[in-house]
Protein backbone atom coordinates (compact mmCIF):
# COMPACT_ATOMS: atom_id res chain seq x y z
CA UNK A 1 131.03 96.54 105.51
CA UNK A 2 129.40 99.28 103.07
CA UNK A 3 129.06 99.31 99.76
CA UNK A 4 128.86 102.19 97.44
CA UNK A 5 126.29 100.97 94.35
CA UNK A 6 126.98 103.65 91.91
CA UNK A 7 130.94 102.68 92.07
CA UNK A 8 131.37 99.66 93.63
CA UNK A 9 133.72 100.93 96.26
CA UNK A 10 133.98 98.97 99.56
CA UNK A 11 134.56 100.17 102.81
CA UNK A 12 135.27 98.03 105.68
CA UNK A 13 133.25 100.87 108.42
CA UNK A 14 131.22 103.77 108.64
CA UNK A 15 134.40 105.88 109.24
CA UNK A 16 136.03 104.82 106.00
CA UNK A 17 133.26 105.72 104.13
CA UNK A 18 132.69 109.17 105.83
CA UNK A 19 136.62 110.26 105.53
CA UNK A 20 135.81 109.61 101.78
CA UNK A 21 132.52 111.23 100.88
CA UNK A 22 132.55 113.90 103.65
CA UNK A 23 130.56 113.33 106.69
CA UNK A 24 127.37 115.60 105.66
CA UNK A 25 127.50 113.80 102.16
CA UNK A 26 127.55 110.17 103.85
CA UNK A 27 124.87 111.19 106.40
CA UNK A 28 122.72 112.12 103.72
CA UNK A 29 123.15 109.23 101.41
CA UNK A 30 122.63 106.82 104.91
CA UNK A 31 119.12 108.65 105.37
CA UNK A 32 117.84 108.84 102.09
CA UNK A 33 118.59 104.90 102.32
CA UNK A 34 119.97 104.91 98.55
CA UNK A 35 123.27 104.42 96.92
CA UNK A 36 124.99 102.67 99.76
CA UNK A 37 124.43 98.40 100.80
CA UNK A 38 125.27 97.08 104.25
CA UNK A 39 126.56 93.59 104.44
CA UNK A 40 127.68 91.71 107.48
CA UNK A 41 130.19 89.83 105.95
CA UNK A 42 133.60 88.84 107.61
């Protein structure tokens, strides 16, 4: 699960997050390691 910290929006996988944010912006957030929290909850 991926949580966008500023908004609290939750995504079940990377594909959902990339569709929501756009690929370039999502990868930039992932590379900078901020605003995203990755968890292993089921």
